[in-house]
């Protein structure tokens, strides 16, 4: 949850400061795709029924693939402003950390 809070704070700050508008237009929908994929994985964990470990792994892998794609596309885009680059980096870092925590938690459950 810490990484989700960090992303929310980052987006709130970017919205309030006007920096959100400095993000390259293609980045926003691509990052939204990452967040939707992460949400699907988290939804699998949050169900009352037993979590299917193979399905959870697949959902985490899907989200990680989306994140990798956005990171590659971000590196390939023409130079953005330093503020936009920092904002993108912060959001992508938090998303990566969230996925790493999900994967680590999944592996911890598998070993118990």
N, C-alpha and C. Protein backbone atom coordinates (compact mmCIF):
# COMPACT_ATOMS: atom_id res chain seq x y z
N UNK A 1 0.82 -1.19 0.00
CA UNK A 1 0.00 0.00 0.00
C UNK A 1 0.87 1.26 0.00
N UNK A 2 2.07 1.16 0.55
CA UNK A 2 2.95 2.33 0.58
C UNK A 2 3.25 2.85 -0.83
N UNK A 3 3.44 1.94 -1.76
CA UNK A 3 3.76 2.35 -3.13
C UNK A 3 2.54 2.97 -3.81
N UNK A 4 1.36 2.46 -3.51
CA UNK A 4 0.15 3.07 -4.05
C UNK A 4 -0.05 4.47 -3.48
N UNK A 5 0.20 4.61 -2.18
CA UNK A 5 0.10 5.94 -1.57
C UNK A 5 1.10 6.90 -2.19
N UNK A 6 2.30 6.41 -2.43
CA UNK A 6 3.33 7.27 -3.03
C UNK A 6 2.91 7.71 -4.43
N UNK A 7 2.37 6.79 -5.23
CA UNK A 7 1.90 7.16 -6.56
C UNK A 7 0.78 8.19 -6.47
N UNK A 8 -0.12 7.99 -5.52
CA UNK A 8 -1.24 8.92 -5.35
C UNK A 8 -0.73 10.30 -4.95
N UNK A 9 0.21 10.34 -4.01
CA UNK A 9 0.78 11.63 -3.61
C UNK A 9 1.48 12.30 -4.79
N UNK A 10 2.21 11.52 -5.55
CA UNK A 10 2.92 12.06 -6.71
C UNK A 10 1.94 12.64 -7.72
N UNK A 11 0.88 11.90 -7.99
CA UNK A 11 -0.12 12.39 -8.95
C UNK A 11 -0.87 13.60 -8.41
N UNK A 12 -1.19 13.60 -7.12
CA UNK A 12 -1.85 14.76 -6.51
C UNK A 12 -0.97 16.00 -6.63
N UNK A 13 0.32 15.85 -6.30
CA UNK A 13 1.26 16.96 -6.41
C UNK A 13 1.34 17.44 -7.86
N UNK A 14 1.46 16.49 -8.79
CA UNK A 14 1.58 16.85 -10.20
C UNK A 14 0.34 17.57 -10.70
N UNK A 15 -0.81 17.15 -10.24
CA UNK A 15 -2.05 17.81 -10.62
C UNK A 15 -2.13 19.22 -10.04
N UNK A 16 -1.83 19.34 -8.75
CA UNK A 16 -1.89 20.65 -8.08
C UNK A 16 -0.87 21.64 -8.64
N UNK A 17 0.31 21.14 -8.99
CA UNK A 17 1.38 22.02 -9.47
C UNK A 17 1.31 22.29 -10.96
N UNK A 18 0.46 21.57 -11.66
CA UNK A 18 0.38 21.72 -13.11
C UNK A 18 1.37 20.88 -13.87
N UNK A 19 2.21 20.12 -13.16
CA UNK A 19 3.21 19.29 -13.83
C UNK A 19 2.59 18.10 -14.56
N UNK A 20 1.39 17.71 -14.18
CA UNK A 20 0.74 16.58 -14.84
C UNK A 20 0.59 16.86 -16.34
N UNK A 21 0.31 18.11 -16.66
CA UNK A 21 0.17 18.50 -18.05
C UNK A 21 1.47 18.43 -18.84
N UNK A 22 2.61 18.39 -18.14
CA UNK A 22 3.90 18.32 -18.83
C UNK A 22 4.26 16.90 -19.25
N UNK A 23 3.50 15.92 -18.75
CA UNK A 23 3.77 14.54 -19.16
C UNK A 23 3.46 14.38 -20.65
N UNK A 24 4.29 13.67 -21.37
CA UNK A 24 3.97 13.42 -22.78
C UNK A 24 2.61 12.72 -22.87
N UNK A 25 1.81 13.16 -23.82
CA UNK A 25 0.45 12.61 -23.96
C UNK A 25 0.41 11.09 -24.06
N UNK A 26 1.32 10.43 -24.78
CA UNK A 26 1.25 8.97 -24.86
C UNK A 26 1.56 8.26 -23.53
N UNK A 27 2.27 8.93 -22.63
CA UNK A 27 2.65 8.27 -21.38
C UNK A 27 1.44 7.98 -20.51
N UNK A 28 0.51 8.90 -20.44
CA UNK A 28 -0.62 8.75 -19.52
C UNK A 28 -1.45 7.50 -19.79
N UNK A 29 -1.90 7.23 -21.01
CA UNK A 29 -2.67 6.00 -21.22
C UNK A 29 -1.82 4.74 -21.04
N UNK A 30 -0.53 4.82 -21.39
CA UNK A 30 0.33 3.64 -21.20
C UNK A 30 0.50 3.34 -19.72
N UNK A 31 0.68 4.39 -18.91
CA UNK A 31 0.83 4.17 -17.48
C UNK A 31 -0.49 3.69 -16.88
N UNK A 32 -1.60 4.16 -17.40
CA UNK A 32 -2.91 3.68 -16.94
C UNK A 32 -3.07 2.19 -17.20
N UNK A 33 -2.53 1.72 -18.31
CA UNK A 33 -2.56 0.28 -18.62
C UNK A 33 -1.79 -0.50 -17.57
N UNK A 34 -0.65 0.04 -17.14
CA UNK A 34 0.13 -0.60 -16.08
C UNK A 34 -0.69 -0.67 -14.80
N UNK A 35 -1.31 0.45 -14.43
CA UNK A 35 -2.09 0.47 -13.19
C UNK A 35 -3.27 -0.49 -13.25
N UNK A 36 -3.92 -0.60 -14.41
CA UNK A 36 -5.03 -1.56 -14.53
C UNK A 36 -4.53 -3.00 -14.37
N UNK A 37 -3.38 -3.30 -14.95
CA UNK A 37 -2.82 -4.64 -14.82
C UNK A 37 -2.44 -4.95 -13.38
N UNK A 38 -1.87 -3.97 -12.68
CA UNK A 38 -1.54 -4.14 -11.26
C UNK A 38 -2.82 -4.36 -10.45
N UNK A 39 -3.86 -3.60 -10.77
CA UNK A 39 -5.14 -3.73 -10.07
C UNK A 39 -5.73 -5.13 -10.23
N UNK A 40 -5.58 -5.71 -11.41
CA UNK A 40 -6.09 -7.07 -11.64
C UNK A 40 -5.36 -8.07 -10.74
N UNK A 41 -4.06 -7.90 -10.60
CA UNK A 41 -3.29 -8.78 -9.72
C UNK A 41 -3.71 -8.60 -8.27
N UNK A 42 -3.87 -7.36 -7.86
CA UNK A 42 -4.26 -7.10 -6.47
C UNK A 42 -5.68 -7.58 -6.20
N UNK A 43 -6.55 -7.50 -7.18
CA UNK A 43 -7.92 -8.00 -7.02
C UNK A 43 -7.90 -9.51 -6.78
N UNK A 44 -7.01 -10.20 -7.45
CA UNK A 44 -6.89 -11.66 -7.27
C UNK A 44 -6.51 -11.98 -5.83
N UNK A 45 -5.65 -11.18 -5.24
CA UNK A 45 -5.22 -11.40 -3.87
C UNK A 45 -6.36 -11.07 -2.90
N UNK A 46 -7.15 -10.05 -3.23
CA UNK A 46 -8.16 -9.56 -2.30
C UNK A 46 -9.47 -10.32 -2.29
N UNK A 47 -9.59 -11.36 -3.05
CA UNK A 47 -10.84 -12.12 -3.07
C UNK A 47 -10.98 -12.97 -1.82
N UNK A 48 -12.22 -13.23 -1.46
CA UNK A 48 -12.48 -14.05 -0.27
C UNK A 48 -12.10 -15.51 -0.51
N UNK A 49 -12.17 -15.95 -1.75
CA UNK A 49 -11.81 -17.33 -2.07
C UNK A 49 -10.29 -17.49 -2.12
N UNK A 50 -9.86 -18.73 -2.15
CA UNK A 50 -8.43 -19.04 -2.21
C UNK A 50 -7.81 -18.46 -3.47
N UNK A 51 -6.66 -17.85 -3.33
CA UNK A 51 -5.95 -17.26 -4.46
C UNK A 51 -5.27 -18.37 -5.26
N UNK A 52 -5.55 -18.40 -6.54
CA UNK A 52 -4.90 -19.35 -7.44
C UNK A 52 -3.50 -18.84 -7.72
N UNK A 53 -2.47 -19.53 -7.23
CA UNK A 53 -1.10 -19.01 -7.38
C UNK A 53 -0.66 -18.87 -8.83
N UNK A 54 -1.12 -19.77 -9.69
CA UNK A 54 -0.72 -19.69 -11.10
C UNK A 54 -1.37 -18.50 -11.79
N UNK A 55 -2.63 -18.25 -11.47
CA UNK A 55 -3.32 -17.10 -12.02
C UNK A 55 -2.70 -15.81 -11.50
N UNK A 56 -2.37 -15.78 -10.22
CA UNK A 56 -1.74 -14.59 -9.65
C UNK A 56 -0.38 -14.34 -10.31
N UNK A 57 0.41 -15.38 -10.48
CA UNK A 57 1.70 -15.24 -11.17
C UNK A 57 1.51 -14.66 -12.57
N UNK A 58 0.51 -15.18 -13.27
CA UNK A 58 0.25 -14.70 -14.63
C UNK A 58 -0.14 -13.23 -14.63
N UNK A 59 -0.95 -12.82 -13.67
CA UNK A 59 -1.37 -11.42 -13.60
C UNK A 59 -0.20 -10.51 -13.23
N UNK A 60 0.65 -10.95 -12.33
CA UNK A 60 1.84 -10.17 -11.98
C UNK A 60 2.77 -10.08 -13.18
N UNK A 61 2.95 -11.19 -13.89
CA UNK A 61 3.80 -11.18 -15.08
C UNK A 61 3.24 -10.25 -16.15
N UNK A 62 1.91 -10.24 -16.30
CA UNK A 62 1.28 -9.35 -17.27
C UNK A 62 1.55 -7.89 -16.90
N UNK A 63 1.38 -7.56 -15.64
CA UNK A 63 1.63 -6.19 -15.18
C UNK A 63 3.10 -5.81 -15.37
N UNK A 64 3.99 -6.74 -15.06
CA UNK A 64 5.43 -6.48 -15.24
C UNK A 64 5.76 -6.27 -16.71
N UNK A 65 5.12 -7.03 -17.59
CA UNK A 65 5.33 -6.84 -19.02
C UNK A 65 4.86 -5.48 -19.49
N UNK A 66 3.70 -5.05 -18.98
CA UNK A 66 3.20 -3.71 -19.33
C UNK A 66 4.16 -2.64 -18.84
N UNK A 67 4.66 -2.81 -17.61
CA UNK A 67 5.61 -1.84 -17.06
C UNK A 67 6.88 -1.79 -17.89
N UNK A 68 7.41 -2.95 -18.26
CA UNK A 68 8.62 -2.99 -19.09
C UNK A 68 8.40 -2.26 -20.41
N UNK A 69 7.23 -2.47 -21.00
CA UNK A 69 6.93 -1.82 -22.28
C UNK A 69 6.90 -0.30 -22.12
N UNK A 70 6.26 0.19 -21.07
CA UNK A 70 6.19 1.63 -20.84
C UNK A 70 7.59 2.19 -20.59
N UNK A 71 8.40 1.46 -19.81
CA UNK A 71 9.75 1.94 -19.54
C UNK A 71 10.57 2.02 -20.83
N UNK A 72 10.44 1.03 -21.69
CA UNK A 72 11.17 1.05 -22.96
C UNK A 72 10.70 2.19 -23.85
N UNK A 73 9.38 2.40 -23.91
CA UNK A 73 8.84 3.48 -24.73
C UNK A 73 9.24 4.84 -24.17
N UNK A 74 9.30 4.94 -22.86
CA UNK A 74 9.69 6.21 -22.23
C UNK A 74 11.13 6.55 -22.58
N UNK A 75 11.99 5.54 -22.60
CA UNK A 75 13.39 5.78 -22.95
C UNK A 75 13.55 6.13 -24.43
N UNK A 76 12.63 5.65 -25.26
CA UNK A 76 12.74 5.88 -26.70
C UNK A 76 12.11 7.19 -27.17
N UNK A 77 11.36 7.84 -26.30
CA UNK A 77 10.70 9.09 -26.70
C UNK A 77 11.71 10.23 -26.68
N UNK A 78 11.44 11.24 -27.49
CA UNK A 78 12.33 12.40 -27.47
C UNK A 78 12.40 12.99 -26.06
N UNK A 79 13.43 13.73 -25.83
CA UNK A 79 13.65 14.33 -24.51
C UNK A 79 12.42 15.08 -24.04
N UNK A 80 12.06 14.82 -22.80
CA UNK A 80 10.98 15.56 -22.17
C UNK A 80 11.61 16.55 -21.20
N UNK A 81 10.78 17.40 -20.66
CA UNK A 81 11.30 18.37 -19.70
C UNK A 81 11.83 17.63 -18.48
N UNK A 82 12.75 18.22 -17.74
CA UNK A 82 13.26 17.57 -16.54
C UNK A 82 12.15 17.24 -15.54
N UNK A 83 11.17 18.12 -15.41
CA UNK A 83 10.06 17.87 -14.48
C UNK A 83 9.24 16.66 -14.92
N UNK A 84 8.94 16.58 -16.21
CA UNK A 84 8.17 15.44 -16.73
C UNK A 84 8.97 14.15 -16.59
N UNK A 85 10.26 14.23 -16.88
CA UNK A 85 11.11 13.04 -16.77
C UNK A 85 11.15 12.55 -15.31
N UNK A 86 11.27 13.47 -14.38
CA UNK A 86 11.30 13.10 -12.95
C UNK A 86 9.95 12.50 -12.53
N UNK A 87 8.87 13.09 -13.00
CA UNK A 87 7.54 12.58 -12.67
C UNK A 87 7.34 11.18 -13.23
N UNK A 88 7.70 10.98 -14.48
CA UNK A 88 7.61 9.65 -15.08
C UNK A 88 8.46 8.65 -14.30
N UNK A 89 9.66 9.04 -13.98
CA UNK A 89 10.56 8.14 -13.26
C UNK A 89 10.01 7.75 -11.91
N UNK A 90 9.44 8.71 -11.20
CA UNK A 90 8.87 8.43 -9.88
C UNK A 90 7.71 7.45 -9.99
N UNK A 91 6.81 7.70 -10.94
CA UNK A 91 5.66 6.81 -11.11
C UNK A 91 6.08 5.41 -11.53
N UNK A 92 7.01 5.32 -12.45
CA UNK A 92 7.47 4.00 -12.92
C UNK A 92 8.23 3.25 -11.82
N UNK A 93 9.01 3.98 -11.03
CA UNK A 93 9.73 3.36 -9.92
C UNK A 93 8.76 2.79 -8.89
N UNK A 94 7.75 3.58 -8.53
CA UNK A 94 6.77 3.10 -7.56
C UNK A 94 6.00 1.89 -8.09
N UNK A 95 5.65 1.91 -9.36
CA UNK A 95 4.95 0.77 -9.95
C UNK A 95 5.84 -0.47 -9.93
N UNK A 96 7.11 -0.29 -10.24
CA UNK A 96 8.04 -1.42 -10.20
C UNK A 96 8.22 -1.97 -8.80
N UNK A 97 8.29 -1.09 -7.82
CA UNK A 97 8.43 -1.53 -6.43
C UNK A 97 7.18 -2.26 -5.97
N UNK A 98 6.01 -1.77 -6.38
CA UNK A 98 4.76 -2.44 -6.03
C UNK A 98 4.73 -3.85 -6.61
N UNK A 99 5.12 -3.99 -7.85
CA UNK A 99 5.14 -5.32 -8.47
C UNK A 99 6.18 -6.23 -7.79
N UNK A 100 7.32 -5.68 -7.43
CA UNK A 100 8.33 -6.48 -6.73
C UNK A 100 7.79 -6.96 -5.39
N UNK A 101 7.05 -6.09 -4.68
CA UNK A 101 6.45 -6.50 -3.41
C UNK A 101 5.39 -7.57 -3.61
N UNK A 102 4.58 -7.43 -4.65
CA UNK A 102 3.57 -8.45 -4.94
C UNK A 102 4.23 -9.79 -5.24
N UNK A 103 5.27 -9.75 -6.04
CA UNK A 103 5.97 -10.99 -6.40
C UNK A 103 6.63 -11.60 -5.16
N UNK A 104 7.25 -10.76 -4.35
CA UNK A 104 7.91 -11.25 -3.11
C UNK A 104 6.88 -11.85 -2.16
N UNK A 105 5.76 -11.16 -2.01
CA UNK A 105 4.70 -11.70 -1.14
C UNK A 105 4.15 -13.00 -1.66
N UNK A 106 4.00 -13.10 -2.96
CA UNK A 106 3.52 -14.35 -3.58
C UNK A 106 4.52 -15.46 -3.32
N UNK A 107 5.80 -15.20 -3.45
CA UNK A 107 6.81 -16.22 -3.23
C UNK A 107 6.88 -16.62 -1.76
N UNK A 108 6.65 -15.68 -0.86
CA UNK A 108 6.64 -15.99 0.56
C UNK A 108 5.48 -16.92 0.90
N UNK A 109 4.33 -16.68 0.29
CA UNK A 109 3.17 -17.53 0.53
C UNK A 109 3.42 -18.95 0.00
N UNK A 110 4.11 -19.03 -1.12
CA UNK A 110 4.37 -20.34 -1.72
C UNK A 110 5.31 -21.17 -0.87
N UNK A 111 6.18 -20.53 -0.11
CA UNK A 111 7.16 -21.27 0.68
C UNK A 111 6.63 -21.66 2.05
N UNK A 112 5.41 -21.21 2.42
CA UNK A 112 4.85 -21.58 3.72
C UNK A 112 3.89 -22.72 3.60
